[in-house]
């Protein structure tokens, strides 16, 4: 039975041979190399801006672990002071971001409203400090895009104490205001054009109805003339 099974396996081309440690190591290195090439290629395709935030190249240096922990522990106290500061000085920007009155009251108390996050423009992991100029209050979805789509792909393999030039979304503002989307401007332009040129759907439908009415009237006139001619004969 064993010989038959082996022969069938050989016929199909599936000969199971145990690879040596050297072969497995070489293949593992090749896989890592391919993966690294894909990641670096993806990191190289970085746009000039994301969500209206300009992307700037700057040094990203990983501080020691103890220093990073200390900075994170201090962040909560400084974040509360930052939120109170923007509540007093950035009322217009906060309302422009879409905050309700209840959310504004939350910010005045030094707390982040639900769905929003205080973001380090230069992350703590890259040497960022707990300074107001390095903070921005923004919604969570675009905040996550800054990390996952722009920053994180450039940090593969970086170690403590290592410095690297990294492209980072770095807004000047302390409150995020989303740019108007292209779709909104296109829709508004189409509406404006339809009002000026009279090419709206209502106008088109009314013209079609008028044509149908005119067609019916002309056809009724033709039939009436034919009937009158038959009577005269």
C-alpha atoms as a PDB file:
ATOM      1  CA  UNK A   1       0.000   0.000   0.000  1.00  0.00           C
ATOM      2  CA  UNK A   2       2.765   2.387   0.885  1.00  0.00           C
ATOM      3  CA  UNK A   3       4.558   1.840  -2.435  1.00  0.00           C
ATOM      4  CA  UNK A   4       1.333   2.476  -4.401  1.00  0.00           C
ATOM      5  CA  UNK A   5       0.699   5.706  -2.547  1.00  0.00           C
ATOM      6  CA  UNK A   6       4.258   6.854  -3.128  1.00  0.00           C
ATOM      7  CA  UNK A   7       4.040   6.047  -6.847  1.00  0.00           C
ATOM      8  CA  UNK A   8       0.777   7.989  -7.194  1.00  0.00           C
ATOM      9  CA  UNK A   9       2.319  10.934  -5.420  1.00  0.00           C
ATOM     10  CA  UNK A  10       5.338  10.792  -7.731  1.00  0.00           C
ATOM     11  CA  UNK A  11       3.124  10.603 -10.838  1.00  0.00           C
ATOM     12  CA  UNK A  12       1.206  13.706  -9.808  1.00  0.00           C
ATOM     13  CA  UNK A  13       4.483  15.502  -9.120  1.00  0.00           C
ATOM     14  CA  UNK A  14       3.934  15.950  -5.375  1.00  0.00           C
ATOM     15  CA  UNK A  15       7.138  14.664  -3.829  1.00  0.00           C
ATOM     16  CA  UNK A  16       7.354  15.810  -0.221  1.00  0.00           C
ATOM     17  CA  UNK A  17      10.931  16.604   0.697  1.00  0.00           C
ATOM     18  CA  UNK A  18      11.871  18.303   3.942  1.00  0.00           C
ATOM     19  CA  UNK A  19      13.706  21.588   3.305  1.00  0.00           C
ATOM     20  CA  UNK A  20      16.922  22.308   5.104  1.00  0.00           C
ATOM     21  CA  UNK A  21      17.268  25.141   7.623  1.00  0.00           C
ATOM     22  CA  UNK A  22      19.339  27.133   5.119  1.00  0.00           C
ATOM     23  CA  UNK A  23      16.657  26.862   2.409  1.00  0.00           C
ATOM     24  CA  UNK A  24      13.915  27.946   4.809  1.00  0.00           C
ATOM     25  CA  UNK A  25      16.000  30.918   5.959  1.00  0.00           C
ATOM     26  CA  UNK A  26      16.683  32.032   2.367  1.00  0.00           C
ATOM     27  CA  UNK A  27      12.982  31.844   1.473  1.00  0.00           C
ATOM     28  CA  UNK A  28      11.995  33.751   4.605  1.00  0.00           C
ATOM     29  CA  UNK A  29      14.493  36.524   3.767  1.00  0.00           C
ATOM     30  CA  UNK A  30      13.124  36.710   0.206  1.00  0.00           C
ATOM     31  CA  UNK A  31       9.564  37.063   1.478  1.00  0.00           C
ATOM     32  CA  UNK A  32      10.591  39.835   3.863  1.00  0.00           C
ATOM     33  CA  UNK A  33      12.458  41.609   1.062  1.00  0.00           C
ATOM     34  CA  UNK A  34       9.417  41.500  -1.252  1.00  0.00           C
ATOM     35  CA  UNK A  35       7.161  42.730   1.548  1.00  0.00           C
ATOM     36  CA  UNK A  36       9.559  45.585   2.350  1.00  0.00           C
ATOM     37  CA  UNK A  37       9.730  46.600  -1.334  1.00  0.00           C
ATOM     38  CA  UNK A  38       5.930  46.748  -1.543  1.00  0.00           C
ATOM     39  CA  UNK A  39       5.694  48.827   1.632  1.00  0.00           C
ATOM     40  CA  UNK A  40       8.391  51.276   0.537  1.00  0.00           C
ATOM     41  CA  UNK A  41       6.718  51.632  -2.862  1.00  0.00           C
ATOM     42  CA  UNK A  42       3.423  52.366  -1.129  1.00  0.00           C
ATOM     43  CA  UNK A  43       5.150  54.882   1.160  1.00  0.00           C
ATOM     44  CA  UNK A  44       6.706  56.605  -1.857  1.00  0.00           C
ATOM     45  CA  UNK A  45       3.276  57.384  -3.307  1.00  0.00           C
ATOM     46  CA  UNK A  46       2.404  60.042  -0.749  1.00  0.00           C
ATOM     47  CA  UNK A  47       0.195  62.943  -1.864  1.00  0.00           C
ATOM     48  CA  UNK A  48       0.902  66.629  -1.172  1.00  0.00           C
ATOM     49  CA  UNK A  49      -2.067  66.839   1.199  1.00  0.00           C
ATOM     50  CA  UNK A  50      -4.761  64.739   2.854  1.00  0.00           C
ATOM     51  CA  UNK A  51      -8.180  66.051   3.958  1.00  0.00           C
ATOM     52  CA  UNK A  52      -6.912  69.529   3.131  1.00  0.00           C
ATOM     53  CA  UNK A  53      -3.906  69.188   5.476  1.00  0.00           C
ATOM     54  CA  UNK A  54      -0.509  69.881   3.850  1.00  0.00           C
ATOM     55  CA  UNK A  55       2.102  67.114   4.115  1.00  0.00           C
ATOM     56  CA  UNK A  56       5.560  68.256   5.205  1.00  0.00           C
ATOM     57  CA  UNK A  57       8.841  66.333   5.342  1.00  0.00           C
ATOM     58  CA  UNK A  58      10.505  66.435   8.773  1.00  0.00           C
ATOM     59  CA  UNK A  59      12.782  64.430  11.031  1.00  0.00           C
ATOM     60  CA  UNK A  60      11.112  61.577  12.902  1.00  0.00           C
ATOM     61  CA  UNK A  61      13.315  60.397  15.777  1.00  0.00           C
ATOM     62  CA  UNK A  62      12.125  57.727  18.219  1.00  0.00           C
ATOM     63  CA  UNK A  63      12.847  58.819  21.834  1.00  0.00           C
ATOM     64  CA  UNK A  64      13.704  56.327  24.614  1.00  0.00           C
ATOM     65  CA  UNK A  65      10.786  54.359  26.034  1.00  0.00           C
ATOM     66  CA  UNK A  66      10.892  56.095  29.452  1.00  0.00           C
ATOM     67  CA  UNK A  67      10.750  59.518  27.813  1.00  0.00           C
ATOM     68  CA  UNK A  68       7.764  58.480  25.671  1.00  0.00           C
ATOM     69  CA  UNK A  69       5.904  57.153  28.732  1.00  0.00           C
ATOM     70  CA  UNK A  70       6.555  60.389  30.636  1.00  0.00           C
ATOM     71  CA  UNK A  71       5.264  62.484  27.720  1.00  0.00           C
ATOM     72  CA  UNK A  72       2.096  60.367  27.463  1.00  0.00           C
ATOM     73  CA  UNK A  73       1.429  60.686  31.197  1.00  0.00           C
ATOM     74  CA  UNK A  74       1.730  64.483  30.971  1.00  0.00           C
ATOM     75  CA  UNK A  75      -0.518  64.636  27.892  1.00  0.00           C
ATOM     76  CA  UNK A  76      -3.839  64.333  29.752  1.00  0.00           C
ATOM     77  CA  UNK A  77      -3.184  67.453  31.866  1.00  0.00           C
ATOM     78  CA  UNK A  78      -1.923  69.511  28.910  1.00  0.00           C
ATOM     79  CA  UNK A  79      -4.787  68.291  26.685  1.00  0.00           C
ATOM     80  CA  UNK A  80      -7.375  69.603  29.164  1.00  0.00           C
ATOM     81  CA  UNK A  81      -5.703  73.031  29.155  1.00  0.00           C
ATOM     82  CA  UNK A  82      -5.528  72.979  25.334  1.00  0.00           C
ATOM     83  CA  UNK A  83      -9.251  72.219  24.969  1.00  0.00           C
ATOM     84  CA  UNK A  84     -10.157  75.075  27.336  1.00  0.00           C
ATOM     85  CA  UNK A  85      -7.862  77.350  25.324  1.00  0.00           C
ATOM     86  CA  UNK A  86      -9.519  76.603  21.953  1.00  0.00           C
ATOM     87  CA  UNK A  87     -12.980  76.879  23.548  1.00  0.00           C
ATOM     88  CA  UNK A  88     -12.125  80.488  24.484  1.00  0.00           C
ATOM     89  CA  UNK A  89     -10.233  81.462  21.323  1.00  0.00           C
ATOM     90  CA  UNK A  90     -11.555  79.269  18.468  1.00  0.00           C
ATOM     91  CA  UNK A  91     -15.332  79.482  18.851  1.00  0.00           C
ATOM     92  CA  UNK A  92     -15.924  80.133  15.130  1.00  0.00           C
ATOM     93  CA  UNK A  93     -13.656  77.262  14.026  1.00  0.00           C
ATOM     94  CA  UNK A  94     -15.274  74.786  16.442  1.00  0.00           C
ATOM     95  CA  UNK A  95     -18.754  75.622  15.149  1.00  0.00           C
ATOM     96  CA  UNK A  96     -17.415  75.403  11.584  1.00  0.00           C
ATOM     97  CA  UNK A  97     -16.215  71.879  12.368  1.00  0.00           C
ATOM     98  CA  UNK A  98     -19.819  71.001  13.247  1.00  0.00           C
ATOM     99  CA  UNK A  99     -19.809  70.962  17.060  1.00  0.00           C
ATOM    100  CA  UNK A 100     -23.203  71.327  18.744  1.00  0.00           C
ATOM    101  CA  UNK A 101     -23.838  73.540  21.786  1.00  0.00           C
ATOM    102  CA  UNK A 102     -23.609  70.548  24.135  1.00  0.00           C
ATOM    103  CA  UNK A 103     -20.289  69.520  22.549  1.00  0.00           C
ATOM    104  CA  UNK A 104     -19.018  73.093  22.907  1.00  0.00           C
ATOM    105  CA  UNK A 105     -19.790  72.909  26.620  1.00  0.00           C
ATOM    106  CA  UNK A 106     -17.812  69.658  26.809  1.00  0.00           C
ATOM    107  CA  UNK A 107     -14.790  71.366  25.233  1.00  0.00           C
ATOM    108  CA  UNK A 108     -15.079  74.287  27.679  1.00  0.00           C
ATOM    109  CA  UNK A 109     -14.767  71.756  30.519  1.00  0.00           C
ATOM    110  CA  UNK A 110     -11.472  70.539  29.025  1.00  0.00           C
ATOM    111  CA  UNK A 111     -12.828  67.274  27.621  1.00  0.00           C
ATOM    112  CA  UNK A 112     -12.866  65.879  24.084  1.00  0.00           C
ATOM    113  CA  UNK A 113     -16.406  65.578  22.672  1.00  0.00           C
ATOM    114  CA  UNK A 114     -17.546  62.154  21.471  1.00  0.00           C
ATOM    115  CA  UNK A 115     -16.184  61.363  18.005  1.00  0.00           C
ATOM    116  CA  UNK A 116     -13.275  63.833  18.253  1.00  0.00           C
ATOM    117  CA  UNK A 117      -9.646  63.471  19.256  1.00  0.00           C
ATOM    118  CA  UNK A 118      -6.737  65.757  20.166  1.00  0.00           C
ATOM    119  CA  UNK A 119      -4.024  64.773  17.694  1.00  0.00           C
ATOM    120  CA  UNK A 120      -0.251  65.271  18.006  1.00  0.00           C
ATOM    121  CA  UNK A 121       0.837  66.746  14.659  1.00  0.00           C
ATOM    122  CA  UNK A 122       4.282  65.248  15.239  1.00  0.00           C
ATOM    123  CA  UNK A 123       3.560  62.022  17.172  1.00  0.00           C
ATOM    124  CA  UNK A 124       5.109  61.349  20.572  1.00  0.00           C
ATOM    125  CA  UNK A 125       6.726  58.267  19.012  1.00  0.00           C
ATOM    126  CA  UNK A 126       8.579  60.616  16.642  1.00  0.00           C
ATOM    127  CA  UNK A 127       9.716  63.095  19.286  1.00  0.00           C
ATOM    128  CA  UNK A 128       6.549  65.234  19.383  1.00  0.00           C
ATOM    129  CA  UNK A 129       6.044  67.456  22.439  1.00  0.00           C
ATOM    130  CA  UNK A 130       2.968  68.302  24.511  1.00  0.00           C
ATOM    131  CA  UNK A 131       2.692  71.854  23.183  1.00  0.00           C
ATOM    132  CA  UNK A 132      -0.393  73.715  21.951  1.00  0.00           C
ATOM    133  CA  UNK A 133       1.311  74.329  18.605  1.00  0.00           C
ATOM    134  CA  UNK A 134       1.666  70.540  18.181  1.00  0.00           C
ATOM    135  CA  UNK A 135      -2.052  69.843  18.886  1.00  0.00           C
ATOM    136  CA  UNK A 136      -5.143  69.853  16.699  1.00  0.00           C
ATOM    137  CA  UNK A 137      -8.709  68.835  17.579  1.00  0.00           C
ATOM    138  CA  UNK A 138     -10.210  66.786  14.773  1.00  0.00           C
ATOM    139  CA  UNK A 139     -12.800  64.061  14.039  1.00  0.00           C
ATOM    140  CA  UNK A 140     -11.635  60.479  14.540  1.00  0.00           C
ATOM    141  CA  UNK A 141     -12.062  59.178  10.911  1.00  0.00           C
ATOM    142  CA  UNK A 142      -9.678  61.712   9.260  1.00  0.00           C
ATOM    143  CA  UNK A 143      -7.385  61.453  12.294  1.00  0.00           C
ATOM    144  CA  UNK A 144      -6.998  57.713  11.714  1.00  0.00           C
ATOM    145  CA  UNK A 145      -6.240  58.319   8.017  1.00  0.00           C
ATOM    146  CA  UNK A 146      -3.264  60.524   8.944  1.00  0.00           C
ATOM    147  CA  UNK A 147      -1.686  57.596  10.790  1.00  0.00           C
ATOM    148  CA  UNK A 148      -2.747  54.545   8.770  1.00  0.00           C
ATOM    149  CA  UNK A 149      -2.453  56.006   5.251  1.00  0.00           C
ATOM    150  CA  UNK A 150       0.446  58.465   5.579  1.00  0.00           C
ATOM    151  CA  UNK A 151       2.646  58.081   8.671  1.00  0.00           C
ATOM    152  CA  UNK A 152       2.616  54.363   9.569  1.00  0.00           C
ATOM    153  CA  UNK A 153       3.692  52.967   6.136  1.00  0.00           C
ATOM    154  CA  UNK A 154       6.890  55.070   6.365  1.00  0.00           C
ATOM    155  CA  UNK A 155       7.876  53.754   9.809  1.00  0.00           C
ATOM    156  CA  UNK A 156       8.369  50.059   9.060  1.00  0.00           C
ATOM    157  CA  UNK A 157      11.454  48.765  10.863  1.00  0.00           C
ATOM    158  CA  UNK A 158      12.278  52.016  12.678  1.00  0.00           C
ATOM    159  CA  UNK A 159      13.887  51.491  16.094  1.00  0.00           C
ATOM    160  CA  UNK A 160      14.429  53.433  19.296  1.00  0.00           C
ATOM    161  CA  UNK A 161      16.998  56.205  18.818  1.00  0.00           C
ATOM    162  CA  UNK A 162      16.788  55.983  15.011  1.00  0.00           C
ATOM    163  CA  UNK A 163      16.090  59.164  13.005  1.00  0.00           C
ATOM    164  CA  UNK A 164      14.377  59.187   9.622  1.00  0.00           C
ATOM    165  CA  UNK A 165      12.967  61.818   7.257  1.00  0.00           C
ATOM    166  CA  UNK A 166       9.223  61.242   7.174  1.00  0.00           C
ATOM    167  CA  UNK A 167       6.399  63.032   5.377  1.00  0.00           C
ATOM    168  CA  UNK A 168       3.833  64.071   7.974  1.00  0.00           C
ATOM    169  CA  UNK A 169       0.464  65.850   7.697  1.00  0.00           C
ATOM    170  CA  UNK A 170       1.193  69.084   9.577  1.00  0.00           C
ATOM    171  CA  UNK A 171      -1.654  71.637   9.773  1.00  0.00           C
ATOM    172  CA  UNK A 172      -1.071  75.153  11.092  1.00  0.00           C
ATOM    173  CA  UNK A 173      -4.505  75.330  12.723  1.00  0.00           C
ATOM    174  CA  UNK A 174      -5.481  74.036  16.153  1.00  0.00           C
ATOM    175  CA  UNK A 175      -8.989  73.068  14.996  1.00  0.00           C
ATOM    176  CA  UNK A 176      -9.667  70.896  11.938  1.00  0.00           C
ATOM    177  CA  UNK A 177     -11.988  72.327   9.288  1.00  0.00           C
ATOM    178  CA  UNK A 178     -12.817  69.940   6.449  1.00  0.00           C
ATOM    179  CA  UNK A 179     -12.359  71.353   2.941  1.00  0.00           C
ATOM    180  CA  UNK A 180     -15.381  71.505   0.645  1.00  0.00           C
ATOM    181  CA  UNK A 181     -15.522  68.379  -1.479  1.00  0.00           C
ATOM    182  CA  UNK A 182     -15.344  68.497  -5.263  1.00  0.00           C
ATOM    183  CA  UNK A 183     -18.712  66.766  -5.510  1.00  0.00           C
ATOM    184  CA  UNK A 184     -20.425  69.583  -3.580  1.00  0.00           C
ATOM    185  CA  UNK A 185     -18.923  72.234  -5.847  1.00  0.00           C
ATOM    186  CA  UNK A 186     -19.917  70.268  -8.971  1.00  0.00           C
ATOM    187  CA  UNK A 187     -23.500  69.914  -7.738  1.00  0.00           C
ATOM    188  CA  UNK A 188     -23.685  73.618  -6.921  1.00  0.00           C
ATOM    189  CA  UNK A 189     -22.239  74.522 -10.338  1.00  0.00           C
ATOM    190  CA  UNK A 190     -24.797  72.293 -12.079  1.00  0.00           C
ATOM    191  CA  UNK A 191     -27.643  73.899 -10.120  1.00  0.00           C
ATOM    192  CA  UNK A 192     -26.376  77.385 -10.955  1.00  0.00           C
ATOM    193  CA  UNK A 193     -26.021  76.526 -14.638  1.00  0.00           C
ATOM    194  CA  UNK A 194     -29.539  75.094 -14.759  1.00  0.00           C
ATOM    195  CA  UNK A 195     -30.950  78.270 -13.167  1.00  0.00           C
ATOM    196  CA  UNK A 196     -29.056  80.588 -15.535  1.00  0.00           C
ATOM    197  CA  UNK A 197     -29.508  78.560 -18.720  1.00  0.00           C
ATOM    198  CA  UNK A 198     -32.985  77.260 -17.954  1.00  0.00           C
ATOM    199  CA  UNK A 199     -31.875  73.669 -18.446  1.00  0.00           C
ATOM    200  CA  UNK A 200     -33.325  72.218 -15.255  1.00  0.00           C
ATOM    201  CA  UNK A 201     -35.328  68.989 -15.254  1.00  0.00           C
ATOM    202  CA  UNK A 202     -38.552  70.924 -14.619  1.00  0.00           C
ATOM    203  CA  UNK A 203     -37.971  73.085 -17.690  1.00  0.00           C
ATOM    204  CA  UNK A 204     -37.243  70.032 -19.839  1.00  0.00           C
ATOM    205  CA  UNK A 205     -40.384  68.249 -18.642  1.00  0.00           C
ATOM    206  CA  UNK A 206     -42.573  71.323 -19.198  1.00  0.00           C
ATOM    207  CA  UNK A 207     -41.226  71.677 -22.758  1.00  0.00           C
ATOM    208  CA  UNK A 208     -42.024  68.023 -23.482  1.00  0.00           C
ATOM    209  CA  UNK A 209     -45.591  68.474 -22.178  1.00  0.00           C
ATOM    210  CA  UNK A 210     -46.096  71.569 -24.369  1.00  0.00           C
ATOM    211  CA  UNK A 211     -44.897  69.661 -27.445  1.00  0.00           C
ATOM    212  CA  UNK A 212     -47.327  66.834 -26.721  1.00  0.00           C
ATOM    213  CA  UNK A 213     -50.232  69.281 -26.270  1.00  0.00           C
ATOM    214  CA  UNK A 214     -49.365  71.087 -29.494  1.00  0.00           C
ATOM    215  CA  UNK A 215     -49.174  67.748 -31.312  1.00  0.00           C
ATOM    216  CA  UNK A 216     -52.597  66.716 -30.046  1.00  0.00           C
ATOM    217  CA  UNK A 217     -54.163  70.039 -31.103  1.00  0.00           C
ATOM    218  CA  UNK A 218     -52.760  69.831 -34.632  1.00  0.00           C
ATOM    219  CA  UNK A 219     -53.950  66.219 -35.008  1.00  0.00           C
ATOM    220  CA  UNK A 220     -57.462  67.179 -33.797  1.00  0.00           C
ATOM    221  CA  UNK A 221     -57.579  69.954 -36.389  1.00  0.00           C
ATOM    222  CA  UNK A 222     -56.654  67.530 -39.183  1.00  0.00           C
ATOM    223  CA  UNK A 223     -59.380  65.084 -38.175  1.00  0.00           C
ATOM    224  CA  UNK A 224     -62.001  67.858 -37.966  1.00  0.00           C
ATOM    225  CA  UNK A 225     -61.153  69.037 -41.491  1.00  0.00           C
ATOM    226  CA  UNK A 226     -61.404  65.494 -42.859  1.00  0.00           C
ATOM    227  CA  UNK A 227     -64.861  65.018 -41.281  1.00  0.00           C
ATOM    228  CA  UNK A 228     -66.137  68.325 -42.678  1.00  0.00           C
ATOM    229  CA  UNK A 229     -64.892  67.444 -46.175  1.00  0.00           C
ATOM    230  CA  UNK A 230     -66.737  64.083 -46.073  1.00  0.00           C
ATOM    231  CA  UNK A 231     -69.987  65.796 -45.012  1.00  0.00           C
ATOM    232  CA  UNK A 232     -69.751  68.342 -47.829  1.00  0.00           C
ATOM    233  CA  UNK A 233     -69.468  65.525 -50.366  1.00  0.00           C
END
